[in-house]
Amino acid sequence: MCKLINKATDQNIIEDYNFSRNNVLDESTETTVINEVASFEEVNGKIDIPKVRYILSYSCNMQCEYCFFPLQEKRMCTREELADSFEKWSAKINPHVVTLYGGEPLLNPDIIGVVSDAHHYWQHSMLEIITNGTLLLNVPDEVLRAFSEKNVYVTISRHFRTQNYLDQISQSLCRLRQFGIQHGIYKADLLWRALYAIDSEGVPIPYAENKPQEAYASCDGVNTTSIRGNYLYKCANVATCAELVKNDLLSGEWKEFSAHKPMSYENSISEIRKYLKQGVISACSLCAVKIPEIHEPRQLTNNEVKKMKQAVQRRLGSQ
């Protein structure tokens, strides 16, 4: 399980499941991540899981430089496909928290229906939505009423420290309070790491230090259990990179991710538990022991994203 510790107070505040309820404008706060290995015990015929993540949107209104989503094909997950996955996986796992994220989940036009379905199938789980916060200013009131009625916890992932962006988040927090929605801030701008390197030809490549044990020991993505359709991945980055390789949006340097075998809902409880409890996997060899920090996060321009995609296609054509 991932925990956040706020070092700005005399008493350490520990927040489970990547929540941080500190004031967004408190720039003195330093946040670090501590990894704990979840037990994944079987309880009443289901696997107990700290958190499971579902992507609602492969589109985003931001293009952050550390993120893979600017490379993704822009699309939405439909309410029908998500409900089908909720139903199948709710018979196998019991997550403490079900997180709906993206991309930017508020771009999904079926957000109200998806929240309703998630609440139906995961009645004993806390629902969380992670958003960059900017769209909260303009979503219809009925969306926020649905969040309030279903007790959705809204986590604003703070990406930048510009005054304009902080002002937008401050206004979004006010709107959440008006609807009585529980909320918090995840200080992503203090935690983001560069998920890939860029080679001399402009192609995003893995760090490939080939030190899987050391990379796993320092990973801040341990237990980021993620479900994509029918398949459950123990690591969200593996799930994302596997999709990108499959869709020819990353070059062959990432093929170790696509070779990874996730779990299907058709697998047995014992098989899924064994998969989740494993530590180091082969894809860890592509990760860095110490991933470089990004001290001043920024957004990529459309031209930069276009050039990156073109560089990937050139590399794929030569491989």
Protein backbone atom coordinates (compact mmCIF):
# COMPACT_ATOMS: atom_id res chain seq x y z
CA MET A 1 0.00 0.00 0.00
CA CYS A 2 1.20 3.46 -0.77
CA LYS A 3 1.09 6.06 2.01
CA LEU A 4 1.68 9.78 2.03
CA ILE A 5 3.48 11.46 4.90
CA ASN A 6 3.21 15.19 5.35
CA LYS A 7 6.48 16.47 6.82
CA ALA A 8 5.25 20.01 7.35
CA THR A 9 3.56 19.33 10.67
CA ASP A 10 4.90 18.39 14.10
CA GLN A 11 2.85 15.21 13.96
CA ASN A 12 3.21 13.03 10.87
CA ILE A 13 -0.09 12.76 9.02
CA ILE A 14 -0.38 9.41 7.26
CA GLU A 15 -2.92 9.22 4.46
CA ASP A 16 -3.80 5.83 2.96
CA TYR A 17 -4.47 5.22 -0.72
CA ASN A 18 -2.52 8.24 -2.02
CA PHE A 19 -4.83 10.83 -0.44
CA SER A 20 -3.48 14.12 0.88
CA ARG A 21 -5.98 16.49 2.48
CA ASN A 22 -3.53 19.36 3.00
CA ASN A 23 -4.32 22.84 1.71
CA VAL A 24 -3.39 23.14 -1.96
CA LEU A 25 -1.84 26.55 -1.41
CA ASP A 26 0.48 25.36 1.36
CA GLU A 27 3.71 25.48 -0.60
CA SER A 28 5.83 24.55 2.42
CA THR A 29 4.53 21.00 2.50
CA GLU A 30 6.87 18.24 1.40
CA THR A 31 5.30 14.94 0.49
CA THR A 32 7.08 11.63 0.08
CA VAL A 33 5.89 8.14 -0.80
CA ILE A 34 6.43 5.03 1.30
CA ASN A 35 5.77 1.58 -0.12
CA GLU A 36 4.27 -1.30 1.82
CA VAL A 37 3.63 -4.75 0.43
CA ALA A 38 -0.07 -5.63 0.57
CA SER A 39 -0.98 -9.08 1.85
CA PHE A 40 -3.72 -9.81 -0.72
CA GLU A 41 -5.43 -12.21 1.67
CA GLU A 42 -8.51 -14.16 0.65
CA VAL A 43 -11.54 -13.07 2.66
CA ASN A 44 -14.99 -14.59 2.09
CA GLY A 45 -13.95 -15.96 -1.28
CA LYS A 46 -12.49 -12.68 -2.59
CA ILE A 47 -9.01 -11.19 -2.63
CA ASP A 48 -8.56 -8.24 -0.29
CA ILE A 49 -6.88 -5.41 -2.25
CA PRO A 50 -5.96 -1.91 -0.98
CA LYS A 51 -6.91 -0.16 -4.22
CA VAL A 52 -7.82 -0.95 -7.80
CA ARG A 53 -7.74 1.60 -10.63
CA TYR A 54 -9.95 2.00 -13.69
CA ILE A 55 -9.25 4.37 -16.59
CA LEU A 56 -12.32 6.27 -17.81
CA SER A 57 -10.64 8.42 -20.45
CA TYR A 58 -7.54 8.13 -22.61
CA SER A 59 -7.89 11.82 -23.38
CA CYS A 60 -6.76 14.69 -21.19
CA ASN A 61 -6.96 18.46 -21.33
CA MET A 62 -3.31 18.59 -20.28
CA GLN A 63 -0.15 17.18 -21.87
CA CYS A 64 2.25 16.79 -18.96
CA GLU A 65 5.80 15.93 -19.99
CA TYR A 66 6.20 13.06 -17.50
CA CYS A 67 3.03 11.27 -18.63
CA PHE A 68 2.46 8.66 -21.36
CA PHE A 69 -1.08 9.80 -22.11
CA PRO A 70 -0.13 12.48 -24.66
CA LEU A 71 1.01 9.52 -26.83
CA GLN A 72 -2.25 7.59 -26.40
CA GLU A 73 -5.00 7.28 -28.96
CA LYS A 74 -7.70 9.64 -27.73
CA ARG A 75 -10.76 7.68 -26.76
CA MET A 76 -13.25 7.15 -23.95
CA CYS A 77 -14.08 3.95 -22.14
CA THR A 78 -17.79 3.31 -22.54
CA ARG A 79 -20.16 2.83 -19.66
CA GLU A 80 -21.03 -0.62 -21.01
CA GLU A 81 -17.44 -1.91 -21.12
CA LEU A 82 -16.68 -0.54 -17.65
CA ALA A 83 -19.86 -2.00 -16.14
CA ASP A 84 -19.03 -5.37 -17.68
CA SER A 85 -15.58 -5.26 -16.07
CA PHE A 86 -17.00 -4.08 -12.71
CA GLU A 87 -19.42 -7.01 -12.67
CA LYS A 88 -16.82 -9.65 -13.56
CA TRP A 89 -14.08 -8.45 -11.24
CA SER A 90 -16.34 -7.70 -8.27
CA ALA A 91 -16.80 -11.46 -7.99
CA LYS A 92 -13.04 -11.96 -7.52
CA ILE A 93 -11.63 -9.00 -5.61
CA ASN A 94 -12.60 -6.80 -2.68
CA PRO A 95 -10.80 -3.46 -3.06
CA HIS A 96 -10.84 -0.98 -0.19
CA VAL A 97 -10.83 1.80 -2.76
CA VAL A 98 -11.96 1.85 -6.40
CA THR A 99 -10.27 4.71 -8.23
CA LEU A 100 -11.61 6.18 -11.46
CA TYR A 101 -8.99 8.16 -13.33
CA GLY A 102 -7.43 8.82 -16.72
CA GLY A 103 -6.30 10.76 -18.68
CA GLU A 104 -8.90 13.12 -17.34
CA PRO A 105 -11.96 11.18 -16.14
CA LEU A 106 -14.28 14.20 -16.18
CA LEU A 107 -14.03 14.23 -19.98
CA ASN A 108 -16.02 11.00 -20.10
CA PRO A 109 -19.62 11.94 -21.06
CA ASP A 110 -20.95 8.89 -19.15
CA ILE A 111 -19.31 9.90 -15.88
CA ILE A 112 -22.60 9.89 -13.91
CA GLY A 113 -23.57 6.45 -15.19
CA VAL A 114 -20.09 5.04 -14.57
CA VAL A 115 -20.12 6.31 -10.99
CA SER A 116 -23.56 4.79 -10.46
CA ASP A 117 -22.40 1.42 -11.82
CA ALA A 118 -19.21 1.49 -9.76
CA HIS A 119 -21.26 2.22 -6.64
CA HIS A 120 -23.58 -0.69 -7.49
CA TYR A 121 -20.88 -3.30 -8.03
CA TRP A 122 -18.44 -2.10 -5.36
CA GLN A 123 -20.90 -1.33 -2.57
CA HIS A 124 -18.40 -1.96 0.19
CA SER A 125 -15.57 0.01 -1.40
CA MET A 126 -14.77 3.70 -1.23
CA LEU A 127 -15.07 5.40 -4.62
CA GLU A 128 -12.40 7.89 -5.61
CA ILE A 129 -12.05 10.07 -8.69
CA ILE A 130 -8.66 11.57 -9.52
CA THR A 131 -8.80 14.74 -11.61
CA ASN A 132 -6.42 17.58 -12.43
CA GLY A 133 -9.10 19.85 -11.00
CA THR A 134 -9.58 22.33 -13.84
CA LEU A 135 -12.78 20.81 -15.24
CA LEU A 136 -14.52 20.85 -11.88
CA LEU A 137 -15.23 24.53 -12.48
CA ASN A 138 -17.55 23.82 -15.40
CA VAL A 139 -19.01 20.32 -14.98
CA PRO A 140 -22.82 20.37 -14.67
CA ASP A 141 -24.29 20.47 -11.19
CA GLU A 142 -25.82 17.03 -11.70
CA VAL A 143 -22.34 15.52 -11.95
CA LEU A 144 -21.36 16.91 -8.57
CA ARG A 145 -24.70 15.91 -7.08
CA ALA A 146 -24.03 12.34 -8.26
CA PHE A 147 -20.61 12.43 -6.58
CA SER A 148 -22.20 13.64 -3.36
CA GLU A 149 -25.01 11.07 -3.44
CA LYS A 150 -22.59 8.18 -4.05
CA ASN A 151 -20.07 9.44 -1.47
CA VAL A 152 -17.32 9.80 -4.07
CA TYR A 153 -14.02 11.10 -2.74
CA VAL A 154 -12.51 13.57 -5.22
CA THR A 155 -8.73 13.77 -5.27
CA ILE A 156 -7.30 16.74 -7.14
CA SER A 157 -3.91 15.81 -8.51
CA ARG A 158 -1.99 19.06 -8.47
CA HIS A 159 0.31 19.14 -11.49
CA PHE A 160 1.77 22.65 -11.53
CA ARG A 161 2.54 25.55 -9.25
CA THR A 162 1.61 28.47 -11.50
CA GLN A 163 -0.66 31.01 -9.86
CA ASN A 164 -3.36 30.65 -12.51
CA TYR A 165 -3.51 26.89 -11.98
CA LEU A 166 -3.53 27.23 -8.18
CA ASP A 167 -6.36 29.74 -8.46
CA GLN A 168 -8.37 27.30 -10.58
CA ILE A 169 -7.87 24.55 -8.02
CA SER A 170 -8.83 26.86 -5.18
CA GLN A 171 -12.09 27.66 -6.98
CA SER A 172 -12.67 23.94 -7.65
CA LEU A 173 -12.25 23.18 -3.96
CA CYS A 174 -14.88 25.77 -3.14
CA ARG A 175 -17.30 24.15 -5.56
CA LEU A 176 -16.70 20.71 -4.05
CA ARG A 177 -17.42 22.12 -0.61
CA GLN A 178 -20.68 23.64 -1.86
CA PHE A 179 -21.89 20.14 -2.75
CA GLY A 180 -20.55 18.56 0.44
CA ILE A 181 -18.10 16.35 -1.48
CA GLN A 182 -15.16 14.88 0.43
CA HIS A 183 -11.95 15.88 -1.26
CA GLY A 184 -8.20 16.11 -0.97
CA ILE A 185 -5.03 17.15 -2.76
CA TYR A 186 -2.43 14.80 -4.16
CA LYS A 187 0.70 16.91 -4.53
CA ALA A 188 1.82 15.38 -7.79
CA ASP A 189 4.04 18.33 -8.63
CA LEU A 190 6.28 17.32 -5.71
CA LEU A 191 6.30 13.65 -6.64
CA TRP A 192 6.38 13.37 -10.42
CA ARG A 193 9.24 11.45 -11.99
CA ALA A 194 10.22 11.23 -15.65
CA LEU A 195 8.65 7.95 -16.78
CA TYR A 196 10.88 7.70 -19.82
CA ALA A 197 14.10 9.02 -21.31
CA ILE A 198 14.41 10.65 -24.73
CA ASP A 199 17.18 9.43 -27.01
CA SER A 200 19.09 11.43 -29.62
CA GLU A 201 16.39 10.79 -32.25
CA GLY A 202 13.58 12.05 -30.02
CA VAL A 203 12.19 8.59 -29.24
CA PRO A 204 10.88 7.89 -25.71
CA ILE A 205 12.81 4.90 -24.37
CA PRO A 206 12.92 3.03 -21.05
CA TYR A 207 15.85 3.52 -18.70
CA ALA A 208 16.72 -0.19 -19.04
CA GLU A 209 19.30 -0.25 -16.24
CA ASN A 210 18.74 -4.01 -16.01
CA LYS A 211 18.72 -3.93 -12.21
CA PRO A 212 15.21 -5.26 -11.54
CA GLN A 213 15.69 -5.95 -7.82
CA GLU A 214 17.00 -2.47 -7.12
CA ALA A 215 14.38 -0.83 -9.35
CA TYR A 216 11.57 -2.68 -7.58
CA ALA A 217 12.94 -1.72 -4.16
CA SER A 218 12.80 1.99 -5.04
CA CYS A 219 9.58 1.88 -7.10
CA ASP A 220 6.73 4.21 -6.10
CA GLY A 221 4.32 2.20 -8.24
CA VAL A 222 4.30 -0.95 -6.12
CA ASN A 223 0.77 -2.33 -5.76
CA THR A 224 -0.75 0.11 -8.26
CA THR A 225 -3.21 -2.61 -9.23
CA SER A 226 -4.98 -1.61 -12.44
CA ILE A 227 -7.78 -3.23 -14.42
CA ARG A 228 -8.01 -2.68 -18.15
CA GLY A 229 -11.11 -4.38 -19.52
CA ASN A 230 -10.93 -8.08 -18.68
CA TYR A 231 -7.37 -7.97 -17.39
CA LEU A 232 -5.81 -7.08 -14.06
CA TYR A 233 -2.23 -5.77 -13.88
CA LYS A 234 -0.22 -5.52 -10.69
CA CYS A 235 1.47 -2.37 -12.00
CA ALA A 236 -0.31 0.53 -13.72
CA ASN A 237 2.81 1.48 -15.69
CA VAL A 238 3.08 -2.03 -17.11
CA ALA A 239 -0.58 -1.88 -18.16
CA THR A 240 -0.13 1.49 -19.87
CA CYS A 241 3.11 0.59 -21.65
CA ALA A 242 1.70 -2.77 -22.77
CA GLU A 243 -1.25 -0.95 -24.37
CA LEU A 244 1.03 1.56 -26.07
CA VAL A 245 3.28 -1.16 -27.52
CA LYS A 246 0.26 -3.12 -28.72
CA ASN A 247 -1.06 -0.01 -30.49
CA ASP A 248 2.35 0.79 -32.08
CA LEU A 249 2.72 3.96 -30.03
CA LEU A 250 5.96 2.86 -28.36
CA SER A 251 8.90 1.27 -30.12
CA GLY A 252 10.47 -2.16 -29.64
CA GLU A 253 12.59 -1.06 -26.70
CA TRP A 254 9.44 -1.49 -24.59
CA LYS A 255 8.49 -4.98 -25.76
CA GLU A 256 9.18 -6.49 -22.32
CA PHE A 257 6.04 -4.73 -21.12
CA SER A 258 3.88 -6.22 -23.86
CA ALA A 259 5.29 -9.67 -23.04
CA HIS A 260 3.89 -9.39 -19.52
CA LYS A 261 0.97 -11.74 -18.81
CA PRO A 262 -1.75 -10.09 -16.69
CA MET A 263 -4.56 -11.95 -14.94
CA SER A 264 -7.99 -12.52 -16.45
CA TYR A 265 -11.19 -12.63 -14.39
CA GLU A 266 -11.35 -16.23 -15.60
CA ASN A 267 -8.24 -17.10 -13.59
CA SER A 268 -8.78 -18.75 -10.22
CA ILE A 269 -8.55 -16.88 -6.92
CA SER A 270 -5.32 -18.71 -6.08
CA GLU A 271 -3.79 -17.82 -9.46
CA ILE A 272 -4.70 -14.14 -9.08
CA ARG A 273 -3.36 -14.04 -5.50
CA LYS A 274 -0.09 -15.64 -6.59
CA TYR A 275 0.24 -13.07 -9.39
CA LEU A 276 -0.44 -10.12 -7.08
CA LYS A 277 1.92 -11.36 -4.38
CA GLN A 278 4.89 -11.72 -6.70
CA GLY A 279 7.49 -9.03 -6.29
CA VAL A 280 9.98 -8.34 -9.05
CA ILE A 281 8.82 -9.00 -12.61
CA SER A 282 10.85 -9.04 -15.81
CA ALA A 283 9.56 -5.59 -16.84
CA CYS A 284 11.30 -4.14 -13.76
CA SER A 285 14.57 -4.51 -15.69
CA LEU A 286 13.47 -1.61 -17.92
CA CYS A 287 12.93 0.73 -14.99
CA ALA A 288 15.49 3.01 -13.37
CA VAL A 289 16.85 2.41 -9.89
CA LYS A 290 16.39 6.11 -9.24
CA ILE A 291 14.00 7.75 -11.68
CA PRO A 292 14.97 11.37 -12.37
CA GLU A 293 12.81 13.96 -10.66
CA ILE A 294 11.08 16.71 -12.60
CA HIS A 295 11.51 19.89 -10.59
CA GLU A 296 9.49 22.20 -12.81
CA PRO A 297 6.71 20.19 -14.47
CA ARG A 298 5.43 21.60 -17.75
CA GLN A 299 3.03 20.75 -20.52
CA LEU A 300 4.22 19.50 -23.88
CA THR A 301 3.17 21.50 -26.90
CA ASN A 302 1.12 19.85 -29.65
CA ASN A 303 4.17 20.12 -31.91
CA GLU A 304 6.36 18.31 -29.38
CA VAL A 305 3.86 15.48 -29.06
CA LYS A 306 3.58 15.25 -32.85
CA LYS A 307 7.37 15.05 -33.26
CA MET A 308 7.61 12.39 -30.55
CA LYS A 309 4.97 10.25 -32.27
CA GLN A 310 6.71 10.68 -35.63
CA ALA A 311 10.04 9.64 -34.09
CA VAL A 312 8.42 6.50 -32.69
CA GLN A 313 6.97 5.61 -36.08
CA ARG A 314 10.36 6.05 -37.76
CA ARG A 315 11.92 3.76 -35.15
CA LEU A 316 9.19 1.16 -35.60
CA GLY A 317 9.74 1.26 -39.35
CA SER A 318 13.43 0.47 -38.90
CA GLN A 319 13.01 -2.32 -36.37
